[in-house]
C-alpha atoms as a PDB file:
ATOM      1  CA  LYS A   1     -97.293   6.567  41.942  1.00  0.00           C
ATOM      2  CA  THR A   2     -95.036   8.643  39.711  1.00  0.00           C
ATOM      3  CA  MET A   3     -92.466   5.859  39.566  1.00  0.00           C
ATOM      4  CA  THR A   4     -95.193   3.329  38.798  1.00  0.00           C
ATOM      5  CA  ALA A   5     -96.459   5.536  35.982  1.00  0.00           C
ATOM      6  CA  LEU A   6     -92.985   5.621  34.455  1.00  0.00           C
ATOM      7  CA  SER A   7     -92.906   1.838  34.665  1.00  0.00           C
ATOM      8  CA  HIS A   8     -95.591   1.543  32.006  1.00  0.00           C
ATOM      9  CA  ARG A   9     -92.887   2.123  29.391  1.00  0.00           C
ATOM     10  CA  HIS A  10     -89.792   1.141  31.370  1.00  0.00           C
ATOM     11  CA  ASP A  11     -88.862  -1.689  33.723  1.00  0.00           C
ATOM     12  CA  THR A  12     -89.543  -0.661  37.350  1.00  0.00           C
ATOM     13  CA  TRP A  13     -86.093  -1.817  38.438  1.00  0.00           C
ATOM     14  CA  ARG A  14     -84.468   0.339  35.774  1.00  0.00           C
ATOM     15  CA  VAL A  15     -86.585   3.374  36.653  1.00  0.00           C
ATOM     16  CA  PHE A  16     -85.608   3.138  40.331  1.00  0.00           C
ATOM     17  CA  SER A  17     -81.910   2.605  39.567  1.00  0.00           C
ATOM     18  CA  ASP A  18     -81.834   5.456  37.055  1.00  0.00           C
ATOM     19  CA  PHE A  19     -83.649   7.767  39.456  1.00  0.00           C
ATOM     20  CA  VAL A  20     -81.191   7.289  42.321  1.00  0.00           C
ATOM     21  CA  GLU A  21     -78.163   7.503  40.029  1.00  0.00           C
ATOM     22  CA  MET A  22     -79.335  10.653  38.251  1.00  0.00           C
ATOM     23  CA  SER A  23     -80.221  12.252  41.590  1.00  0.00           C
ATOM     24  CA  ALA A  24     -76.819  11.370  43.045  1.00  0.00           C
ATOM     25  CA  VAL A  25     -74.948  12.761  40.046  1.00  0.00           C
ATOM     26  CA  SER A  26     -77.056  15.940  40.036  1.00  0.00           C
ATOM     27  CA  ILE A  27     -76.242  16.674  43.672  1.00  0.00           C
ATOM     28  CA  ALA A  28     -72.581  15.640  43.473  1.00  0.00           C
ATOM     29  CA  ASN A  29     -71.738  17.537  40.308  1.00  0.00           C
ATOM     30  CA  ALA A  30     -73.526  20.682  41.482  1.00  0.00           C
ATOM     31  CA  CYS A  31     -71.617  20.724  44.782  1.00  0.00           C
ATOM     32  CA  ASP A  32     -68.246  19.233  43.852  1.00  0.00           C
ATOM     33  CA  LYS A  33     -67.255  20.582  40.456  1.00  0.00           C
ATOM     34  CA  PHE A  34     -63.564  19.750  40.977  1.00  0.00           C
ATOM     35  CA  HIS A  35     -64.075  16.073  41.794  1.00  0.00           C
ATOM     36  CA  PRO A  36     -61.902  13.844  39.540  1.00  0.00           C
ATOM     37  CA  ASP A  37     -65.014  11.916  38.436  1.00  0.00           C
ATOM     38  CA  HIS A  38     -67.075  15.023  37.620  1.00  0.00           C
ATOM     39  CA  ASP A  39     -66.889  14.683  33.827  1.00  0.00           C
ATOM     40  CA  LYS A  40     -67.332  10.906  33.892  1.00  0.00           C
ATOM     41  CA  ARG A  41     -70.441  11.263  36.041  1.00  0.00           C
ATOM     42  CA  GLU A  42     -71.827  13.962  33.789  1.00  0.00           C
ATOM     43  CA  ALA A  43     -71.340  11.726  30.759  1.00  0.00           C
ATOM     44  CA  ARG A  44     -73.110   8.886  32.557  1.00  0.00           C
ATOM     45  CA  TYR A  45     -76.010  11.214  33.384  1.00  0.00           C
ATOM     46  CA  MET A  46     -76.387  12.208  29.737  1.00  0.00           C
ATOM     47  CA  GLU A  47     -76.301   8.546  28.735  1.00  0.00           C
ATOM     48  CA  ILE A  48     -79.179   7.721  31.098  1.00  0.00           C
ATOM     49  CA  VAL A  49     -81.445  10.596  30.017  1.00  0.00           C
ATOM     50  CA  LYS A  50     -81.416   9.390  26.412  1.00  0.00           C
ATOM     51  CA  ALA A  51     -83.810   6.594  27.373  1.00  0.00           C
ATOM     52  CA  TYR A  52     -86.514   8.994  28.592  1.00  0.00           C
ATOM     53  CA  THR A  53     -88.809  11.620  27.092  1.00  0.00           C
ATOM     54  CA  ALA A  54     -88.830  15.234  28.260  1.00  0.00           C
ATOM     55  CA  GLU A  55     -92.065  14.575  30.144  1.00  0.00           C
ATOM     56  CA  GLU A  56     -90.585  11.535  31.856  1.00  0.00           C
ATOM     57  CA  LEU A  57     -87.487  13.493  32.871  1.00  0.00           C
ATOM     58  CA  SER A  58     -89.802  16.083  34.397  1.00  0.00           C
ATOM     59  CA  ASP A  59     -91.308  13.271  36.472  1.00  0.00           C
ATOM     60  CA  PHE A  60     -87.827  12.361  37.730  1.00  0.00           C
ATOM     61  CA  ALA A  61     -87.395  15.943  38.946  1.00  0.00           C
ATOM     62  CA  LYS A  62     -90.792  15.761  40.671  1.00  0.00           C
ATOM     63  CA  MET A  63     -89.780  12.527  42.404  1.00  0.00           C
ATOM     64  CA  LEU A  64     -86.612  14.147  43.749  1.00  0.00           C
ATOM     65  CA  GLY A  65     -88.730  17.012  45.050  1.00  0.00           C
ATOM     66  CA  MET A  66     -91.131  14.582  46.732  1.00  0.00           C
ATOM     67  CA  LEU A  67     -88.218  12.706  48.304  1.00  0.00           C
ATOM     68  CA  THR A  68     -86.827  15.975  49.655  1.00  0.00           C
ATOM     69  CA  GLN A  69     -90.204  16.905  51.153  1.00  0.00           C
ATOM     70  CA  GLN A  70     -90.654  13.474  52.722  1.00  0.00           C
ATOM     71  CA  LEU A  71     -87.222  13.579  54.361  1.00  0.00           C
ATOM     72  CA  GLU A  72     -87.985  17.040  55.726  1.00  0.00           C
ATOM     73  CA  LEU A  73     -91.232  15.774  57.248  1.00  0.00           C
ATOM     74  CA  ARG A  74     -89.787  12.583  58.703  1.00  0.00           C
ATOM     75  CA  PRO A  75     -86.119  11.567  58.467  1.00  0.00           C
ATOM     76  CA  SER A  76     -86.033   7.886  57.522  1.00  0.00           C
ATOM     77  CA  ASP A  77     -84.757   5.475  54.897  1.00  0.00           C
ATOM     78  CA  VAL A  78     -87.414   6.508  52.369  1.00  0.00           C
ATOM     79  CA  LEU A  79     -85.635   4.964  49.386  1.00  0.00           C
ATOM     80  CA  GLY A  80     -84.995   1.702  51.225  1.00  0.00           C
ATOM     81  CA  GLU A  81     -88.666   1.503  52.176  1.00  0.00           C
ATOM     82  CA  ILE A  82     -89.725   2.121  48.565  1.00  0.00           C
ATOM     83  CA  PHE A  83     -87.226  -0.483  47.371  1.00  0.00           C
ATOM     84  CA  MET A  84     -88.717  -3.107  49.665  1.00  0.00           C
ATOM     85  CA  GLU A  85     -92.367  -2.103  49.106  1.00  0.00           C
ATOM     86  CA  MET A  86     -91.931  -2.433  45.335  1.00  0.00           C
ATOM     87  CA  ASP A  87     -90.320  -5.855  45.854  1.00  0.00           C
ATOM     88  CA  LEU A  88     -87.204  -4.803  43.969  1.00  0.00           C
ATOM     89  CA  GLY A  89     -84.927  -6.778  46.284  1.00  0.00           C
ATOM     90  CA  SER A  90     -85.883 -10.021  44.582  1.00  0.00           C
ATOM     91  CA  LYS A  91     -84.260  -8.720  41.407  1.00  0.00           C
ATOM     92  CA  TRP A  92     -80.880  -8.146  43.052  1.00  0.00           C
ATOM     93  CA  HIS A  93     -79.743 -11.380  44.689  1.00  0.00           C
ATOM     94  CA  GLY A  94     -82.367 -11.127  47.428  1.00  0.00           C
ATOM     95  CA  GLN A  95     -81.064  -7.785  48.680  1.00  0.00           C
ATOM     96  CA  PHE A  96     -82.779  -6.685  51.889  1.00  0.00           C
ATOM     97  CA  PHE A  97     -82.713  -3.341  53.686  1.00  0.00           C
ATOM     98  CA  THR A  98     -82.956  -3.262  57.484  1.00  0.00           C
ATOM     99  CA  PRO A  99     -86.299  -1.808  58.674  1.00  0.00           C
ATOM    100  CA  TYR A 100     -85.869   1.770  59.834  1.00  0.00           C
ATOM    101  CA  SER A 101     -87.590   1.039  63.164  1.00  0.00           C
ATOM    102  CA  LEU A 102     -84.791  -1.401  64.013  1.00  0.00           C
ATOM    103  CA  CYS A 103     -82.180   1.190  63.059  1.00  0.00           C
ATOM    104  CA  GLN A 104     -83.895   3.711  65.341  1.00  0.00           C
ATOM    105  CA  ALA A 105     -83.764   1.286  68.264  1.00  0.00           C
ATOM    106  CA  THR A 106     -80.067   0.636  67.677  1.00  0.00           C
ATOM    107  CA  ALA A 107     -79.262   4.334  67.277  1.00  0.00           C
ATOM    108  CA  SER A 108     -80.999   5.229  70.535  1.00  0.00           C
ATOM    109  CA  MET A 109     -78.562   2.956  72.361  1.00  0.00           C
ATOM    110  CA  MET A 110     -75.583   4.523  70.607  1.00  0.00           C
ATOM    111  CA  VAL A 111     -76.255   8.069  71.827  1.00  0.00           C
ATOM    112  CA  PHE A 112     -76.932   7.472  75.526  1.00  0.00           C
ATOM    113  CA  ASP A 113     -73.591   9.043  76.576  1.00  0.00           C
ATOM    114  CA  LEU A 114     -72.992  11.214  73.537  1.00  0.00           C
ATOM    115  CA  GLU A 115     -73.086  14.527  75.410  1.00  0.00           C
ATOM    116  CA  GLU A 116     -70.265  13.309  77.647  1.00  0.00           C
ATOM    117  CA  ARG A 117     -68.153  12.117  74.720  1.00  0.00           C
ATOM    118  CA  LEU A 118     -68.567  15.433  72.927  1.00  0.00           C
ATOM    119  CA  LYS A 119     -67.066  17.282  75.889  1.00  0.00           C
ATOM    120  CA  SER A 120     -63.622  16.002  74.905  1.00  0.00           C
ATOM    121  CA  LYS A 121     -63.925  16.129  71.110  1.00  0.00           C
ATOM    122  CA  PRO A 122     -65.501  18.509  68.583  1.00  0.00           C
ATOM    123  CA  PHE A 123     -67.435  15.785  66.755  1.00  0.00           C
ATOM    124  CA  ILE A 124     -67.919  12.040  66.567  1.00  0.00           C
ATOM    125  CA  THR A 125     -67.455   9.731  63.596  1.00  0.00           C
ATOM    126  CA  ALA A 126     -69.646   6.838  62.512  1.00  0.00           C
ATOM    127  CA  ASN A 127     -68.780   4.127  60.014  1.00  0.00           C
ATOM    128  CA  GLU A 128     -71.304   1.903  58.250  1.00  0.00           C
ATOM    129  CA  PRO A 129     -69.535  -0.842  56.225  1.00  0.00           C
ATOM    130  CA  ALA A 130     -72.722  -2.085  54.502  1.00  0.00           C
ATOM    131  CA  SER A 131     -74.750   1.103  54.272  1.00  0.00           C
ATOM    132  CA  GLY A 132     -77.630   0.100  52.013  1.00  0.00           C
ATOM    133  CA  GLY A 133     -79.774   3.224  51.755  1.00  0.00           C
ATOM    134  CA  GLY A 134     -78.056   4.821  54.753  1.00  0.00           C
ATOM    135  CA  ALA A 135     -80.769   3.883  57.272  1.00  0.00           C
ATOM    136  CA  MET A 136     -78.454   3.355  60.257  1.00  0.00           C
ATOM    137  CA  LEU A 137     -76.704   6.686  59.762  1.00  0.00           C
ATOM    138  CA  ILE A 138     -79.984   8.510  59.218  1.00  0.00           C
ATOM    139  CA  ALA A 139     -81.341   6.986  62.440  1.00  0.00           C
ATOM    140  CA  LEU A 140     -78.182   8.084  64.264  1.00  0.00           C
ATOM    141  CA  SER A 141     -78.641  11.680  63.111  1.00  0.00           C
ATOM    142  CA  GLU A 142     -82.274  11.549  64.203  1.00  0.00           C
ATOM    143  CA  ALA A 143     -81.297  10.176  67.626  1.00  0.00           C
ATOM    144  CA  MET A 144     -78.794  12.998  68.037  1.00  0.00           C
ATOM    145  CA  THR A 145     -81.532  15.511  67.269  1.00  0.00           C
ATOM    146  CA  THR A 146     -83.687  14.074  70.060  1.00  0.00           C
ATOM    147  CA  LYS A 147     -80.729  14.789  72.371  1.00  0.00           C
ATOM    148  CA  ASN A 148     -80.609  18.392  71.088  1.00  0.00           C
ATOM    149  CA  ILE A 149     -77.253  17.722  69.442  1.00  0.00           C
ATOM    150  CA  ASN A 150     -76.659  19.331  66.060  1.00  0.00           C
ATOM    151  CA  PHE A 151     -75.534  16.417  63.876  1.00  0.00           C
ATOM    152  CA  GLN A 152     -74.470  18.784  61.106  1.00  0.00           C
ATOM    153  CA  LYS A 153     -71.752  20.115  63.405  1.00  0.00           C
ATOM    154  CA  CYS A 154     -71.098  17.120  65.657  1.00  0.00           C
ATOM    155  CA  LEU A 155     -71.184  14.128  63.300  1.00  0.00           C
ATOM    156  CA  HIS A 156     -69.182  12.896  60.341  1.00  0.00           C
ATOM    157  CA  VAL A 157     -70.121   9.594  58.701  1.00  0.00           C
ATOM    158  CA  THR A 158     -68.466   7.130  56.362  1.00  0.00           C
ATOM    159  CA  ALA A 159     -70.851   4.884  54.457  1.00  0.00           C
ATOM    160  CA  GLN A 160     -69.608   2.062  52.268  1.00  0.00           C
ATOM    161  CA  ASP A 161     -71.301  -0.583  50.132  1.00  0.00           C
ATOM    162  CA  LEU A 162     -70.382  -2.979  47.363  1.00  0.00           C
ATOM    163  CA  ASP A 163     -73.562  -2.219  45.422  1.00  0.00           C
ATOM    164  CA  LEU A 164     -73.394   1.010  43.419  1.00  0.00           C
ATOM    165  CA  LYS A 165     -77.172   1.423  43.554  1.00  0.00           C
ATOM    166  CA  ALA A 166     -77.008   1.389  47.364  1.00  0.00           C
ATOM    167  CA  ILE A 167     -74.232   3.981  47.180  1.00  0.00           C
ATOM    168  CA  HIS A 168     -76.468   6.275  45.152  1.00  0.00           C
ATOM    169  CA  MET A 169     -79.329   5.744  47.620  1.00  0.00           C
ATOM    170  CA  SER A 170     -77.131   6.512  50.627  1.00  0.00           C
ATOM    171  CA  TYR A 171     -75.543   9.516  49.008  1.00  0.00           C
ATOM    172  CA  VAL A 172     -78.830  11.102  47.962  1.00  0.00           C
ATOM    173  CA  GLN A 173     -80.499  10.678  51.340  1.00  0.00           C
ATOM    174  CA  LEU A 174     -77.493  11.698  53.442  1.00  0.00           C
ATOM    175  CA  SER A 175     -77.019  14.743  51.210  1.00  0.00           C
ATOM    176  CA  LEU A 176     -80.651  15.853  51.360  1.00  0.00           C
ATOM    177  CA  LEU A 177     -80.644  15.495  55.145  1.00  0.00           C
ATOM    178  CA  GLY A 178     -77.490  17.591  55.476  1.00  0.00           C
ATOM    179  CA  ILE A 179     -75.404  14.847  57.048  1.00  0.00           C
ATOM    180  CA  PRO A 180     -71.642  15.440  56.648  1.00  0.00           C
ATOM    181  CA  GLY A 181     -69.875  12.422  55.252  1.00  0.00           C
ATOM    182  CA  ILE A 182     -68.181  10.324  52.613  1.00  0.00           C
ATOM    183  CA  VAL A 183     -69.924   7.538  50.715  1.00  0.00           C
ATOM    184  CA  ILE A 184     -67.567   4.914  49.332  1.00  0.00           C
ATOM    185  CA  HIS A 185     -68.291   2.403  46.597  1.00  0.00           C
ATOM    186  CA  GLY A 186     -66.212  -0.677  47.263  1.00  0.00           C
ATOM    187  CA  ASN A 187     -65.649  -3.828  49.277  1.00  0.00           C
ATOM    188  CA  THR A 188     -65.146  -2.901  52.934  1.00  0.00           C
ATOM    189  CA  LEU A 189     -63.436  -6.202  53.780  1.00  0.00           C
ATOM    190  CA  LEU A 190     -60.811  -5.646  51.089  1.00  0.00           C
ATOM    191  CA  ASN A 191     -60.462  -1.934  51.877  1.00  0.00           C
ATOM    192  CA  GLU A 192     -61.470  -1.338  48.275  1.00  0.00           C
ATOM    193  CA  LYS A 193     -62.440   2.133  47.060  1.00  0.00           C
ATOM    194  CA  ARG A 194     -63.852   2.249  43.548  1.00  0.00           C
ATOM    195  CA  SER A 195     -65.343   5.727  43.875  1.00  0.00           C
ATOM    196  CA  MET A 196     -65.831   8.400  46.536  1.00  0.00           C
ATOM    197  CA  TRP A 197     -68.912  10.555  46.986  1.00  0.00           C
ATOM    198  CA  TYR A 198     -68.707  13.583  49.293  1.00  0.00           C
ATOM    199  CA  THR A 199     -71.958  14.941  50.717  1.00  0.00           C
ATOM    200  CA  PRO A 200     -72.449  18.726  50.395  1.00  0.00           C
ATOM    201  CA  MET A 201     -71.986  19.131  54.171  1.00  0.00           C
ATOM    202  CA  HIS A 202     -68.661  17.223  54.164  1.00  0.00           C
END
């Protein structure tokens, strides 16, 4: 509802994109002050805020708080679900995010022998070459929790996507859930790395 209210004066697509980018920069720059892109990201943040009033910026902060609360209640691809529910995919070349229920089913099959694998190594790694909002990696962390495995100690993820908006979505959600990892903006097939985002637990 808060995002819809902001859309009365701004395009819904722009509000969503600005929200995930500002949230990503806020988390990254607070936790990684020595990152080479710190100043560039800060400048981008200040460029975005110019389009909004003080009251609207307060709403952005409220939305980040609501996202945090929702992820604490139920780990899932909240941003991906919002993206699809608001029909924003039609504005970006028909982009579609995999339903979280499907990711959960896949993740449950991935962890069937995880306890045995962890006997010979301190942690496991997971790579998602087209991460979207990070749904598959979130589902994996949830599946590990059902096995009483602490994903914050026993998992390190690498998420990559060609779409910068998806990178921001993945980074924000993985960060808020405390999942250790690196989020890479770039073409996986070309081994391209345009920018690197390190979650606070990395």
